[in-house]
Amino acid sequence: MANFEKKWTPEYTKRAKELGYSVTQIITIASIIQKEAADVDQMAGISAVIHNRLKHAVDYPLLQCDSTIKYVELYASKLFDESKIKQYSQYYDTYTTTGLPAGPICNPGLAAIKAALYPEEGSDNLYFCHDKNGKVYYASNDIEHSKNIAITIKVNAE
């Protein structure tokens, strides 16, 4: 916690409020970014997708981020029995739970926090997927996204 308090600035609190989020929500977004991005250069783009989906929650109520499912599979399975895992997963599975998960899925780095606070400007992307090499494919609609999924399946099969 001391490390967080050293790095978190009043400017970040102000920016979180401007975006309409609490500090915990920003850290939760940052944690998803941390787990989804293969490198720092991808973080702002992934952040934009998350922010766009949250902003258009009526049309896109689910974030659909694999990292939140993996969090439950990797960590909860070590702590709980199967019945508890099902109960626990309802709070973190962004394929079935609307909005943000119940809390952070990892301890995000400063780059991910900055990306959560300052998503890529001007992006209308609502989807992303990545291939086994870590390349991210962005899309602003489900037709483009379906094409990107086909590309990643092909790349991943090679």
N, C-alpha and C. Protein backbone atom coordinates (compact mmCIF):
# COMPACT_ATOMS: atom_id res chain seq x y z
N MET A 1 0.82 -1.19 0.00
CA MET A 1 0.00 0.00 0.00
C MET A 1 0.87 1.26 0.00
N ALA A 2 2.00 1.20 0.67
CA ALA A 2 2.89 2.36 0.72
C ALA A 2 3.41 2.69 -0.67
N ASN A 3 3.71 1.67 -1.46
CA ASN A 3 4.18 1.88 -2.83
C ASN A 3 3.10 2.57 -3.66
N PHE A 4 1.86 2.11 -3.51
CA PHE A 4 0.74 2.72 -4.22
C PHE A 4 0.61 4.20 -3.85
N GLU A 5 0.66 4.48 -2.56
CA GLU A 5 0.51 5.86 -2.10
C GLU A 5 1.63 6.76 -2.58
N LYS A 6 2.81 6.19 -2.80
CA LYS A 6 3.93 6.97 -3.35
C LYS A 6 3.70 7.33 -4.81
N LYS A 7 3.08 6.42 -5.54
CA LYS A 7 2.93 6.60 -6.99
C LYS A 7 1.61 7.26 -7.39
N TRP A 8 0.57 7.07 -6.60
CA TRP A 8 -0.73 7.65 -6.93
C TRP A 8 -0.71 9.13 -6.56
N THR A 9 -1.04 9.99 -7.50
CA THR A 9 -0.96 11.43 -7.27
C THR A 9 -2.35 12.05 -7.19
N PRO A 10 -2.45 13.26 -6.62
CA PRO A 10 -3.73 13.97 -6.63
C PRO A 10 -4.26 14.19 -8.05
N GLU A 11 -3.35 14.34 -9.01
CA GLU A 11 -3.76 14.49 -10.42
C GLU A 11 -4.52 13.25 -10.89
N TYR A 12 -4.07 12.08 -10.46
CA TYR A 12 -4.74 10.84 -10.86
C TYR A 12 -6.14 10.77 -10.25
N THR A 13 -6.27 11.20 -9.00
CA THR A 13 -7.59 11.21 -8.36
C THR A 13 -8.52 12.15 -9.11
N LYS A 14 -8.01 13.31 -9.46
CA LYS A 14 -8.81 14.30 -10.22
C LYS A 14 -9.24 13.71 -11.56
N ARG A 15 -8.32 13.08 -12.25
CA ARG A 15 -8.62 12.50 -13.56
C ARG A 15 -9.65 11.38 -13.44
N ALA A 16 -9.52 10.54 -12.42
CA ALA A 16 -10.50 9.47 -12.21
C ALA A 16 -11.90 10.06 -12.04
N LYS A 17 -11.99 11.13 -11.26
CA LYS A 17 -13.29 11.79 -11.06
C LYS A 17 -13.82 12.37 -12.36
N GLU A 18 -12.93 12.96 -13.17
CA GLU A 18 -13.34 13.50 -14.48
C GLU A 18 -13.94 12.40 -15.35
N LEU A 19 -13.38 11.22 -15.26
CA LEU A 19 -13.87 10.09 -16.05
C LEU A 19 -15.12 9.46 -15.44
N GLY A 20 -15.43 9.83 -14.20
CA GLY A 20 -16.60 9.29 -13.52
C GLY A 20 -16.35 7.98 -12.79
N TYR A 21 -15.09 7.73 -12.44
CA TYR A 21 -14.73 6.49 -11.77
C TYR A 21 -14.09 6.75 -10.42
N SER A 22 -14.22 5.77 -9.54
CA SER A 22 -13.51 5.80 -8.26
C SER A 22 -12.08 5.32 -8.48
N VAL A 23 -11.24 5.51 -7.49
CA VAL A 23 -9.87 5.01 -7.56
C VAL A 23 -9.88 3.49 -7.74
N THR A 24 -10.71 2.80 -6.98
CA THR A 24 -10.79 1.34 -7.09
C THR A 24 -11.20 0.91 -8.50
N GLN A 25 -12.14 1.61 -9.10
CA GLN A 25 -12.56 1.27 -10.46
C GLN A 25 -11.43 1.48 -11.46
N ILE A 26 -10.68 2.56 -11.30
CA ILE A 26 -9.54 2.80 -12.19
C ILE A 26 -8.49 1.69 -12.02
N ILE A 27 -8.23 1.30 -10.79
CA ILE A 27 -7.26 0.22 -10.56
C ILE A 27 -7.79 -1.10 -11.14
N THR A 28 -9.08 -1.33 -11.06
CA THR A 28 -9.67 -2.53 -11.67
C THR A 28 -9.49 -2.51 -13.18
N ILE A 29 -9.79 -1.37 -13.80
CA ILE A 29 -9.58 -1.22 -15.25
C ILE A 29 -8.10 -1.44 -15.58
N ALA A 30 -7.23 -0.82 -14.81
CA ALA A 30 -5.78 -0.95 -15.04
C ALA A 30 -5.33 -2.41 -14.91
N SER A 31 -5.92 -3.13 -13.98
CA SER A 31 -5.53 -4.54 -13.80
C SER A 31 -5.91 -5.38 -15.02
N ILE A 32 -7.05 -5.08 -15.62
CA ILE A 32 -7.45 -5.79 -16.84
C ILE A 32 -6.50 -5.43 -17.97
N ILE A 33 -6.19 -4.15 -18.10
CA ILE A 33 -5.24 -3.70 -19.11
C ILE A 33 -3.90 -4.42 -18.93
N GLN A 34 -3.43 -4.48 -17.69
CA GLN A 34 -2.15 -5.13 -17.39
C GLN A 34 -2.12 -6.57 -17.89
N LYS A 35 -3.21 -7.27 -17.66
CA LYS A 35 -3.27 -8.69 -18.04
C LYS A 35 -3.55 -8.91 -19.52
N GLU A 36 -4.23 -7.97 -20.17
CA GLU A 36 -4.59 -8.14 -21.58
C GLU A 36 -3.49 -7.68 -22.53
N ALA A 37 -2.71 -6.70 -22.14
CA ALA A 37 -1.70 -6.13 -23.04
C ALA A 37 -0.42 -6.96 -23.04
N ALA A 38 0.12 -7.17 -24.24
CA ALA A 38 1.40 -7.88 -24.35
C ALA A 38 2.56 -6.94 -24.05
N ASP A 39 2.35 -5.65 -24.26
CA ASP A 39 3.38 -4.66 -23.95
C ASP A 39 2.75 -3.30 -23.71
N VAL A 40 3.55 -2.37 -23.26
CA VAL A 40 3.08 -1.03 -22.88
C VAL A 40 2.42 -0.31 -24.06
N ASP A 41 2.92 -0.53 -25.27
CA ASP A 41 2.37 0.15 -26.44
C ASP A 41 0.92 -0.20 -26.72
N GLN A 42 0.45 -1.33 -26.23
CA GLN A 42 -0.93 -1.76 -26.46
C GLN A 42 -1.91 -1.23 -25.40
N MET A 43 -1.39 -0.72 -24.32
CA MET A 43 -2.24 -0.41 -23.17
C MET A 43 -3.29 0.67 -23.44
N ALA A 44 -2.92 1.76 -24.07
CA ALA A 44 -3.88 2.84 -24.31
C ALA A 44 -5.01 2.39 -25.24
N GLY A 45 -4.69 1.57 -26.23
CA GLY A 45 -5.71 1.05 -27.14
C GLY A 45 -6.68 0.11 -26.45
N ILE A 46 -6.15 -0.77 -25.62
CA ILE A 46 -7.01 -1.68 -24.86
C ILE A 46 -7.85 -0.89 -23.87
N SER A 47 -7.25 0.11 -23.26
CA SER A 47 -7.98 0.98 -22.34
C SER A 47 -9.16 1.64 -23.05
N ALA A 48 -8.93 2.11 -24.27
CA ALA A 48 -9.99 2.77 -25.03
C ALA A 48 -11.17 1.82 -25.26
N VAL A 49 -10.88 0.57 -25.58
CA VAL A 49 -11.95 -0.41 -25.79
C VAL A 49 -12.75 -0.58 -24.50
N ILE A 50 -12.07 -0.74 -23.39
CA ILE A 50 -12.77 -0.92 -22.11
C ILE A 50 -13.62 0.31 -21.79
N HIS A 51 -13.04 1.49 -21.92
CA HIS A 51 -13.79 2.72 -21.65
C HIS A 51 -14.98 2.86 -22.60
N ASN A 52 -14.78 2.56 -23.88
CA ASN A 52 -15.88 2.68 -24.85
C ASN A 52 -17.01 1.72 -24.52
N ARG A 53 -16.67 0.51 -24.11
CA ARG A 53 -17.72 -0.45 -23.76
C ARG A 53 -18.46 -0.02 -22.49
N LEU A 54 -17.73 0.50 -21.53
CA LEU A 54 -18.38 0.98 -20.30
C LEU A 54 -19.26 2.20 -20.60
N LYS A 55 -18.79 3.04 -21.50
CA LYS A 55 -19.54 4.25 -21.87
C LYS A 55 -20.83 3.90 -22.63
N HIS A 56 -20.79 2.82 -23.38
CA HIS A 56 -21.94 2.38 -24.18
C HIS A 56 -22.51 1.08 -23.61
N ALA A 57 -22.66 1.06 -22.30
CA ALA A 57 -23.06 -0.17 -21.60
C ALA A 57 -24.44 -0.68 -22.00
N VAL A 58 -25.31 0.19 -22.47
CA VAL A 58 -26.63 -0.26 -22.90
C VAL A 58 -26.49 -1.22 -24.09
N ASP A 59 -25.61 -0.86 -25.02
CA ASP A 59 -25.39 -1.69 -26.20
C ASP A 59 -24.32 -2.76 -25.99
N TYR A 60 -23.38 -2.50 -25.09
CA TYR A 60 -22.25 -3.40 -24.84
C TYR A 60 -22.10 -3.62 -23.33
N PRO A 61 -23.05 -4.33 -22.72
CA PRO A 61 -23.02 -4.47 -21.25
C PRO A 61 -21.89 -5.34 -20.71
N LEU A 62 -21.31 -6.18 -21.56
CA LEU A 62 -20.27 -7.11 -21.11
C LEU A 62 -18.91 -6.69 -21.65
N LEU A 63 -17.91 -6.66 -20.79
CA LEU A 63 -16.55 -6.33 -21.24
C LEU A 63 -15.93 -7.46 -22.05
N GLN A 64 -16.25 -8.69 -21.71
CA GLN A 64 -15.77 -9.88 -22.42
C GLN A 64 -14.24 -9.94 -22.51
N CYS A 65 -13.60 -9.84 -21.37
CA CYS A 65 -12.13 -9.92 -21.30
C CYS A 65 -11.71 -11.27 -20.74
N ASP A 66 -10.92 -12.00 -21.52
CA ASP A 66 -10.47 -13.33 -21.10
C ASP A 66 -9.70 -13.31 -19.79
N SER A 67 -8.98 -12.23 -19.55
CA SER A 67 -8.15 -12.17 -18.34
C SER A 67 -8.96 -12.29 -17.06
N THR A 68 -10.21 -11.85 -17.08
CA THR A 68 -11.03 -11.95 -15.87
C THR A 68 -11.44 -13.39 -15.60
N ILE A 69 -11.66 -14.15 -16.66
CA ILE A 69 -11.98 -15.57 -16.50
C ILE A 69 -10.75 -16.33 -16.01
N LYS A 70 -9.60 -16.01 -16.60
CA LYS A 70 -8.35 -16.66 -16.20
C LYS A 70 -8.03 -16.38 -14.73
N TYR A 71 -8.37 -15.18 -14.28
CA TYR A 71 -8.16 -14.84 -12.87
C TYR A 71 -8.88 -15.83 -11.98
N VAL A 72 -10.14 -16.07 -12.28
CA VAL A 72 -10.92 -17.01 -11.48
C VAL A 72 -10.34 -18.42 -11.61
N GLU A 73 -10.05 -18.83 -12.85
CA GLU A 73 -9.54 -20.19 -13.08
C GLU A 73 -8.20 -20.42 -12.38
N LEU A 74 -7.30 -19.45 -12.46
CA LEU A 74 -5.96 -19.63 -11.92
C LEU A 74 -5.87 -19.43 -10.41
N TYR A 75 -6.58 -18.44 -9.90
CA TYR A 75 -6.41 -18.10 -8.49
C TYR A 75 -7.50 -18.65 -7.59
N ALA A 76 -8.74 -18.52 -8.00
CA ALA A 76 -9.82 -19.01 -7.14
C ALA A 76 -9.78 -20.53 -7.02
N SER A 77 -9.37 -21.20 -8.09
CA SER A 77 -9.34 -22.66 -8.04
C SER A 77 -8.34 -23.18 -7.01
N LYS A 78 -7.35 -22.38 -6.67
CA LYS A 78 -6.37 -22.77 -5.65
C LYS A 78 -6.91 -22.55 -4.23
N LEU A 79 -7.92 -21.70 -4.12
CA LEU A 79 -8.42 -21.33 -2.80
C LEU A 79 -9.75 -21.96 -2.42
N PHE A 80 -10.58 -22.27 -3.44
CA PHE A 80 -11.95 -22.68 -3.16
C PHE A 80 -12.30 -24.00 -3.84
N ASP A 81 -13.35 -24.65 -3.31
CA ASP A 81 -13.86 -25.83 -3.99
C ASP A 81 -14.76 -25.38 -5.14
N GLU A 82 -15.22 -26.34 -5.95
CA GLU A 82 -15.95 -26.02 -7.18
C GLU A 82 -17.20 -25.17 -6.95
N SER A 83 -17.97 -25.45 -5.90
CA SER A 83 -19.18 -24.67 -5.65
C SER A 83 -18.85 -23.22 -5.32
N LYS A 84 -17.79 -23.02 -4.58
CA LYS A 84 -17.37 -21.65 -4.24
C LYS A 84 -16.82 -20.93 -5.48
N ILE A 85 -16.14 -21.68 -6.35
CA ILE A 85 -15.59 -21.07 -7.56
C ILE A 85 -16.72 -20.52 -8.42
N LYS A 86 -17.80 -21.29 -8.57
CA LYS A 86 -18.96 -20.81 -9.35
C LYS A 86 -19.52 -19.54 -8.73
N GLN A 87 -19.65 -19.54 -7.43
CA GLN A 87 -20.17 -18.37 -6.72
C GLN A 87 -19.23 -17.18 -6.92
N TYR A 88 -17.95 -17.42 -6.79
CA TYR A 88 -16.93 -16.38 -6.90
C TYR A 88 -16.84 -15.84 -8.33
N SER A 89 -16.95 -16.73 -9.31
CA SER A 89 -16.78 -16.32 -10.70
C SER A 89 -17.85 -15.36 -11.17
N GLN A 90 -19.02 -15.40 -10.56
CA GLN A 90 -20.08 -14.49 -10.98
C GLN A 90 -19.68 -13.02 -10.79
N TYR A 91 -18.74 -12.76 -9.93
CA TYR A 91 -18.31 -11.39 -9.69
C TYR A 91 -17.16 -10.95 -10.60
N TYR A 92 -16.52 -11.90 -11.27
CA TYR A 92 -15.35 -11.58 -12.07
C TYR A 92 -15.46 -11.96 -13.55
N ASP A 93 -16.37 -12.84 -13.90
CA ASP A 93 -16.50 -13.29 -15.29
C ASP A 93 -17.19 -12.20 -16.11
N THR A 94 -16.40 -11.47 -16.90
CA THR A 94 -16.94 -10.35 -17.68
C THR A 94 -17.64 -10.80 -18.96
N TYR A 95 -17.79 -12.10 -19.13
CA TYR A 95 -18.63 -12.62 -20.22
C TYR A 95 -20.06 -12.81 -19.73
N THR A 96 -20.26 -12.83 -18.42
CA THR A 96 -21.61 -13.02 -17.87
C THR A 96 -22.02 -11.90 -16.92
N THR A 97 -21.06 -11.17 -16.37
CA THR A 97 -21.33 -10.10 -15.43
C THR A 97 -21.18 -8.76 -16.13
N THR A 98 -22.17 -7.90 -15.97
CA THR A 98 -22.12 -6.59 -16.62
C THR A 98 -21.14 -5.66 -15.91
N GLY A 99 -20.58 -4.75 -16.69
CA GLY A 99 -19.68 -3.74 -16.14
C GLY A 99 -18.36 -4.33 -15.68
N LEU A 100 -17.77 -3.64 -14.74
CA LEU A 100 -16.46 -4.05 -14.21
C LEU A 100 -16.59 -5.23 -13.27
N PRO A 101 -15.54 -6.04 -13.17
CA PRO A 101 -15.55 -7.09 -12.15
C PRO A 101 -15.52 -6.47 -10.75
N ALA A 102 -15.70 -7.31 -9.75
CA ALA A 102 -15.81 -6.84 -8.36
C ALA A 102 -14.59 -6.09 -7.86
N GLY A 103 -13.45 -6.34 -8.45
CA GLY A 103 -12.22 -5.67 -8.02
C GLY A 103 -11.09 -6.01 -8.95
N PRO A 104 -9.91 -5.50 -8.65
CA PRO A 104 -8.74 -5.76 -9.51
C PRO A 104 -8.43 -7.25 -9.62
N ILE A 105 -7.88 -7.63 -10.78
CA ILE A 105 -7.49 -9.02 -11.00
C ILE A 105 -5.98 -9.22 -10.88
N CYS A 106 -5.26 -8.14 -10.66
CA CYS A 106 -3.82 -8.20 -10.41
C CYS A 106 -3.39 -6.85 -9.84
N ASN A 107 -2.13 -6.74 -9.54
CA ASN A 107 -1.57 -5.47 -9.08
C ASN A 107 -0.99 -4.78 -10.31
N PRO A 108 -1.70 -3.81 -10.89
CA PRO A 108 -1.23 -3.22 -12.14
C PRO A 108 -0.04 -2.30 -11.95
N GLY A 109 0.77 -2.23 -12.99
CA GLY A 109 1.91 -1.31 -12.98
C GLY A 109 1.47 0.10 -13.30
N LEU A 110 2.40 1.03 -13.14
CA LEU A 110 2.10 2.44 -13.37
C LEU A 110 1.68 2.70 -14.82
N ALA A 111 2.27 2.02 -15.78
CA ALA A 111 1.90 2.22 -17.19
C ALA A 111 0.44 1.84 -17.43
N ALA A 112 -0.02 0.76 -16.81
CA ALA A 112 -1.42 0.34 -16.96
C ALA A 112 -2.35 1.32 -16.26
N ILE A 113 -1.94 1.84 -15.12
CA ILE A 113 -2.76 2.84 -14.41
C ILE A 113 -2.89 4.09 -15.26
N LYS A 114 -1.78 4.54 -15.83
CA LYS A 114 -1.83 5.73 -16.70
C LYS A 114 -2.71 5.47 -17.92
N ALA A 115 -2.64 4.28 -18.48
CA ALA A 115 -3.50 3.94 -19.62
C ALA A 115 -4.97 3.94 -19.22
N ALA A 116 -5.28 3.46 -18.02
CA ALA A 116 -6.66 3.47 -17.53
C ALA A 116 -7.17 4.90 -17.38
N LEU A 117 -6.28 5.79 -16.98
CA LEU A 117 -6.65 7.20 -16.79
C LEU A 117 -6.66 7.98 -18.10
N TYR A 118 -5.83 7.56 -19.03
CA TYR A 118 -5.69 8.29 -20.30
C TYR A 118 -5.76 7.31 -21.47
N PRO A 119 -6.98 6.82 -21.78
CA PRO A 119 -7.12 5.88 -22.90
C PRO A 119 -6.79 6.58 -24.22
N GLU A 120 -6.53 5.78 -25.22
CA GLU A 120 -6.24 6.30 -26.56
C GLU A 120 -7.35 7.25 -27.00
N GLU A 121 -6.97 8.45 -27.38
CA GLU A 121 -7.95 9.46 -27.78
C GLU A 121 -8.48 9.18 -29.17
N GLY A 122 -9.76 9.47 -29.37
CA GLY A 122 -10.37 9.37 -30.68
C GLY A 122 -10.71 7.96 -31.13
N SER A 123 -10.47 6.98 -30.30
CA SER A 123 -10.75 5.59 -30.67
C SER A 123 -12.24 5.30 -30.52
N ASP A 124 -12.80 4.66 -31.55
CA ASP A 124 -14.18 4.20 -31.45
C ASP A 124 -14.24 2.67 -31.37
N ASN A 125 -13.10 2.06 -31.07
CA ASN A 125 -13.03 0.60 -31.00
C ASN A 125 -13.82 0.07 -29.81
N LEU A 126 -14.52 -1.02 -30.07
CA LEU A 126 -15.34 -1.68 -29.06
C LEU A 126 -14.92 -3.13 -28.82
N TYR A 127 -13.99 -3.60 -29.62
CA TYR A 127 -13.54 -4.99 -29.54
C TYR A 127 -12.03 -5.05 -29.71
N PHE A 128 -11.44 -6.06 -29.13
CA PHE A 128 -10.06 -6.40 -29.43
C PHE A 128 -9.87 -7.90 -29.21
N CYS A 129 -8.92 -8.44 -29.92
CA CYS A 129 -8.50 -9.81 -29.69
C CYS A 129 -7.02 -9.86 -30.03
N HIS A 130 -6.34 -10.89 -29.59
CA HIS A 130 -4.92 -10.98 -29.90
C HIS A 130 -4.55 -12.39 -30.30
N ASP A 131 -3.49 -12.47 -31.08
CA ASP A 131 -3.03 -13.78 -31.51
C ASP A 131 -1.95 -14.30 -30.55
N LYS A 132 -1.47 -15.48 -30.83
CA LYS A 132 -0.49 -16.13 -29.94
C LYS A 132 0.83 -15.37 -29.86
N ASN A 133 1.07 -14.49 -30.83
CA ASN A 133 2.29 -13.68 -30.84
C ASN A 133 2.14 -12.38 -30.07
N GLY A 134 0.92 -12.12 -29.57
CA GLY A 134 0.68 -10.91 -28.80
C GLY A 134 0.19 -9.73 -29.62
N LYS A 135 0.04 -9.90 -30.94
CA LYS A 135 -0.46 -8.81 -31.76
C LYS A 135 -1.94 -8.59 -31.45
N VAL A 136 -2.32 -7.31 -31.29
CA VAL A 136 -3.70 -6.97 -30.98
C VAL A 136 -4.41 -6.52 -32.26
N TYR A 137 -5.64 -6.98 -32.40
CA TYR A 137 -6.50 -6.61 -33.53
C TYR A 137 -7.71 -5.87 -32.95
N TYR A 138 -7.92 -4.64 -33.39
CA TYR A 138 -9.01 -3.82 -32.88
C TYR A 138 -10.14 -3.74 -33.90
N ALA A 139 -11.35 -3.54 -33.40
CA ALA A 139 -12.51 -3.40 -34.28
C ALA A 139 -13.54 -2.47 -33.64
N SER A 140 -14.25 -1.75 -34.48
CA SER A 140 -15.28 -0.85 -33.98
C SER A 140 -16.68 -1.44 -34.12
N ASN A 141 -16.78 -2.62 -34.76
CA ASN A 141 -18.09 -3.27 -34.88
C ASN A 141 -17.90 -4.79 -34.91
N ASP A 142 -19.01 -5.50 -34.78
CA ASP A 142 -18.90 -6.95 -34.65
C ASP A 142 -18.50 -7.64 -35.96
N ILE A 143 -18.77 -7.03 -37.10
CA ILE A 143 -18.34 -7.61 -38.38
C ILE A 143 -16.81 -7.59 -38.47
N GLU A 144 -16.21 -6.44 -38.17
CA GLU A 144 -14.75 -6.34 -38.15
C GLU A 144 -14.15 -7.30 -37.13
N HIS A 145 -14.79 -7.37 -35.98
CA HIS A 145 -14.30 -8.24 -34.91
C HIS A 145 -14.32 -9.71 -35.36
N SER A 146 -15.38 -10.12 -36.02
CA SER A 146 -15.46 -11.50 -36.52
C SER A 146 -14.33 -11.78 -37.51
N LYS A 147 -14.03 -10.81 -38.36
CA LYS A 147 -12.91 -10.97 -39.30
C LYS A 147 -11.59 -11.09 -38.54
N ASN A 148 -11.43 -10.28 -37.50
CA ASN A 148 -10.21 -10.33 -36.69
C ASN A 148 -10.07 -11.67 -35.97
N ILE A 149 -11.17 -12.19 -35.49
CA ILE A 149 -11.13 -13.50 -34.83
C ILE A 149 -10.68 -14.57 -35.82
N ALA A 150 -11.20 -14.50 -37.05
CA ALA A 150 -10.79 -15.46 -38.08
C ALA A 150 -9.29 -15.36 -38.35
N ILE A 151 -8.77 -14.14 -38.37
CA ILE A 151 -7.33 -13.93 -38.58
C ILE A 151 -6.54 -14.55 -37.44
N THR A 152 -6.97 -14.29 -36.20
CA THR A 152 -6.22 -14.82 -35.05
C THR A 152 -6.28 -16.35 -35.00
N ILE A 153 -7.40 -16.92 -35.38
CA ILE A 153 -7.50 -18.39 -35.41
C ILE A 153 -6.50 -18.95 -36.42
N LYS A 154 -6.41 -18.30 -37.57
CA LYS A 154 -5.47 -18.74 -38.60
C LYS A 154 -4.02 -18.61 -38.11
N VAL A 155 -3.70 -17.45 -37.54
CA VAL A 155 -2.34 -17.22 -37.03
C VAL A 155 -2.01 -18.22 -35.92
N ASN A 156 -2.95 -18.43 -35.03
CA ASN A 156 -2.72 -19.33 -33.90
C ASN A 156 -2.57 -20.79 -34.32
N ALA A 157 -3.11 -21.14 -35.48
CA ALA A 157 -3.01 -22.52 -35.98
C ALA A 157 -1.68 -22.78 -36.66
N GLU A 158 -0.97 -21.73 -37.02
CA GLU A 158 0.31 -21.89 -37.73
C GLU A 158 1.41 -22.40 -36.81
